[in-house]
C-alpha atoms as a PDB file:
ATOM      1  CA  UNK A   1      37.840 -24.147  73.053  1.00  0.00           C
ATOM      2  CA  UNK A   2      36.625 -27.678  73.613  1.00  0.00           C
ATOM      3  CA  UNK A   3      34.524 -27.731  70.436  1.00  0.00           C
ATOM      4  CA  UNK A   4      37.487 -26.665  68.305  1.00  0.00           C
ATOM      5  CA  UNK A   5      39.806 -29.203  69.926  1.00  0.00           C
ATOM      6  CA  UNK A   6      37.192 -31.968  69.605  1.00  0.00           C
ATOM      7  CA  UNK A   7      36.702 -31.205  65.932  1.00  0.00           C
ATOM      8  CA  UNK A   8      40.452 -31.431  65.344  1.00  0.00           C
ATOM      9  CA  UNK A   9      40.501 -34.785  67.151  1.00  0.00           C
ATOM     10  CA  UNK A  10      37.604 -36.246  65.169  1.00  0.00           C
ATOM     11  CA  UNK A  11      35.101 -36.197  68.044  1.00  0.00           C
ATOM     12  CA  UNK A  12      32.163 -34.834  66.073  1.00  0.00           C
ATOM     13  CA  UNK A  13      29.395 -35.444  68.601  1.00  0.00           C
ATOM     14  CA  UNK A  14      31.339 -33.841  71.431  1.00  0.00           C
ATOM     15  CA  UNK A  15      32.265 -30.885  69.227  1.00  0.00           C
ATOM     16  CA  UNK A  16      28.620 -30.383  68.286  1.00  0.00           C
ATOM     17  CA  UNK A  17      27.444 -30.642  71.888  1.00  0.00           C
ATOM     18  CA  UNK A  18      30.030 -28.058  72.996  1.00  0.00           C
ATOM     19  CA  UNK A  19      29.123 -25.704  70.139  1.00  0.00           C
ATOM     20  CA  UNK A  20      25.417 -26.014  70.879  1.00  0.00           C
ATOM     21  CA  UNK A  21      26.003 -25.369  74.568  1.00  0.00           C
ATOM     22  CA  UNK A  22      28.127 -22.303  73.825  1.00  0.00           C
ATOM     23  CA  UNK A  23      25.460 -20.978  71.443  1.00  0.00           C
ATOM     24  CA  UNK A  24      22.703 -21.452  74.023  1.00  0.00           C
ATOM     25  CA  UNK A  25      24.770 -19.783  76.735  1.00  0.00           C
ATOM     26  CA  UNK A  26      25.492 -16.850  74.444  1.00  0.00           C
ATOM     27  CA  UNK A  27      21.793 -16.446  73.659  1.00  0.00           C
ATOM     28  CA  UNK A  28      20.857 -16.781  77.330  1.00  0.00           C
ATOM     29  CA  UNK A  29      23.365 -14.095  78.276  1.00  0.00           C
ATOM     30  CA  UNK A  30      21.995 -11.720  75.634  1.00  0.00           C
ATOM     31  CA  UNK A  31      18.451 -12.300  76.877  1.00  0.00           C
ATOM     32  CA  UNK A  32      19.454 -11.694  80.489  1.00  0.00           C
ATOM     33  CA  UNK A  33      21.052  -8.368  79.587  1.00  0.00           C
ATOM     34  CA  UNK A  34      17.706  -7.106  78.236  1.00  0.00           C
ATOM     35  CA  UNK A  35      16.145  -6.812  81.690  1.00  0.00           C
ATOM     36  CA  UNK A  36      13.208  -4.653  80.632  1.00  0.00           C
ATOM     37  CA  UNK A  37      12.073  -7.161  78.026  1.00  0.00           C
ATOM     38  CA  UNK A  38      11.832 -10.173  80.297  1.00  0.00           C
ATOM     39  CA  UNK A  39       8.852 -12.481  80.295  1.00  0.00           C
ATOM     40  CA  UNK A  40       9.307 -14.703  83.342  1.00  0.00           C
ATOM     41  CA  UNK A  41       7.819 -17.777  81.696  1.00  0.00           C
ATOM     42  CA  UNK A  42      10.101 -17.459  78.692  1.00  0.00           C
ATOM     43  CA  UNK A  43      13.156 -16.683  80.836  1.00  0.00           C
ATOM     44  CA  UNK A  44      12.584 -19.677  83.109  1.00  0.00           C
ATOM     45  CA  UNK A  45      12.026 -21.950  80.111  1.00  0.00           C
ATOM     46  CA  UNK A  46      15.187 -20.693  78.435  1.00  0.00           C
ATOM     47  CA  UNK A  47      17.168 -21.092  81.643  1.00  0.00           C
ATOM     48  CA  UNK A  48      15.891 -24.649  82.057  1.00  0.00           C
ATOM     49  CA  UNK A  49      16.800 -25.452  78.447  1.00  0.00           C
ATOM     50  CA  UNK A  50      20.266 -23.969  78.862  1.00  0.00           C
ATOM     51  CA  UNK A  51      20.729 -25.991  82.043  1.00  0.00           C
ATOM     52  CA  UNK A  52      19.673 -29.180  80.253  1.00  0.00           C
ATOM     53  CA  UNK A  53      22.103 -28.450  77.407  1.00  0.00           C
ATOM     54  CA  UNK A  54      24.938 -27.838  79.868  1.00  0.00           C
ATOM     55  CA  UNK A  55      24.190 -31.144  81.626  1.00  0.00           C
ATOM     56  CA  UNK A  56      24.219 -32.993  78.300  1.00  0.00           C
ATOM     57  CA  UNK A  57      27.476 -31.309  77.262  1.00  0.00           C
ATOM     58  CA  UNK A  58      29.075 -32.144  80.601  1.00  0.00           C
ATOM     59  CA  UNK A  59      28.035 -35.797  80.307  1.00  0.00           C
ATOM     60  CA  UNK A  60      29.453 -36.025  76.777  1.00  0.00           C
ATOM     61  CA  UNK A  61      32.721 -34.362  77.755  1.00  0.00           C
ATOM     62  CA  UNK A  62      33.091 -36.570  80.834  1.00  0.00           C
ATOM     63  CA  UNK A  63      33.257 -39.583  78.519  1.00  0.00           C
ATOM     64  CA  UNK A  64      36.538 -38.151  77.166  1.00  0.00           C
ATOM     65  CA  UNK A  65      37.821 -36.434  80.314  1.00  0.00           C
ATOM     66  CA  UNK A  66      40.438 -39.112  81.036  1.00  0.00           C
ATOM     67  CA  UNK A  67      42.142 -38.590  77.682  1.00  0.00           C
ATOM     68  CA  UNK A  68      41.339 -34.940  76.907  1.00  0.00           C
ATOM     69  CA  UNK A  69      42.140 -32.138  79.331  1.00  0.00           C
ATOM     70  CA  UNK A  70      39.946 -29.737  77.372  1.00  0.00           C
ATOM     71  CA  UNK A  71      36.963 -32.072  77.809  1.00  0.00           C
ATOM     72  CA  UNK A  72      37.592 -32.289  81.560  1.00  0.00           C
ATOM     73  CA  UNK A  73      37.744 -28.500  81.795  1.00  0.00           C
ATOM     74  CA  UNK A  74      34.615 -28.123  79.666  1.00  0.00           C
ATOM     75  CA  UNK A  75      32.681 -30.589  81.826  1.00  0.00           C
ATOM     76  CA  UNK A  76      33.697 -28.669  84.938  1.00  0.00           C
ATOM     77  CA  UNK A  77      32.612 -25.367  83.365  1.00  0.00           C
ATOM     78  CA  UNK A  78      29.264 -26.886  82.373  1.00  0.00           C
ATOM     79  CA  UNK A  79      28.734 -28.215  85.897  1.00  0.00           C
ATOM     80  CA  UNK A  80      29.462 -24.764  87.326  1.00  0.00           C
ATOM     81  CA  UNK A  81      27.016 -23.264  84.839  1.00  0.00           C
ATOM     82  CA  UNK A  82      24.308 -25.684  85.973  1.00  0.00           C
ATOM     83  CA  UNK A  83      24.848 -24.758  89.616  1.00  0.00           C
ATOM     84  CA  UNK A  84      24.774 -21.027  88.843  1.00  0.00           C
ATOM     85  CA  UNK A  85      21.650 -21.302  86.679  1.00  0.00           C
ATOM     86  CA  UNK A  86      19.798 -23.367  89.286  1.00  0.00           C
ATOM     87  CA  UNK A  87      20.693 -20.823  91.967  1.00  0.00           C
ATOM     88  CA  UNK A  88      19.583 -17.960  89.736  1.00  0.00           C
ATOM     89  CA  UNK A  89      16.307 -19.682  88.844  1.00  0.00           C
ATOM     90  CA  UNK A  90      15.599 -20.199  92.530  1.00  0.00           C
ATOM     91  CA  UNK A  91      16.315 -16.580  93.357  1.00  0.00           C
ATOM     92  CA  UNK A  92      14.232 -15.331  90.434  1.00  0.00           C
ATOM     93  CA  UNK A  93      11.240 -17.481  91.302  1.00  0.00           C
ATOM     94  CA  UNK A  94      11.332 -16.202  94.892  1.00  0.00           C
ATOM     95  CA  UNK A  95      11.696 -12.570  93.864  1.00  0.00           C
ATOM     96  CA  UNK A  96       9.284 -12.588  90.919  1.00  0.00           C
ATOM     97  CA  UNK A  97       6.817 -15.475  91.153  1.00  0.00           C
ATOM     98  CA  UNK A  98       5.066 -16.316  87.919  1.00  0.00           C
ATOM     99  CA  UNK A  99       1.317 -15.754  87.843  1.00  0.00           C
END
């Protein structure tokens, strides 16, 4: 939603950041649903990358949050994603330590 609204408002960088974040989250979700094909090193790396992308997207959207409600909502969603991913990474590393 935010990427489409940003594009319509001429905020190209923000639109790209939101699109990239959405793409990474979609890929991460697909990977997580394939439980039997997990490689812990790859999963942790992908989760860290997704978390970094969400932080970058949140920071970009926060620059526009005062004037764009969709950017404020996107930043909040990204922040919630970061918290959930960090919690999940912690639980996974406790349950299945990497060799």
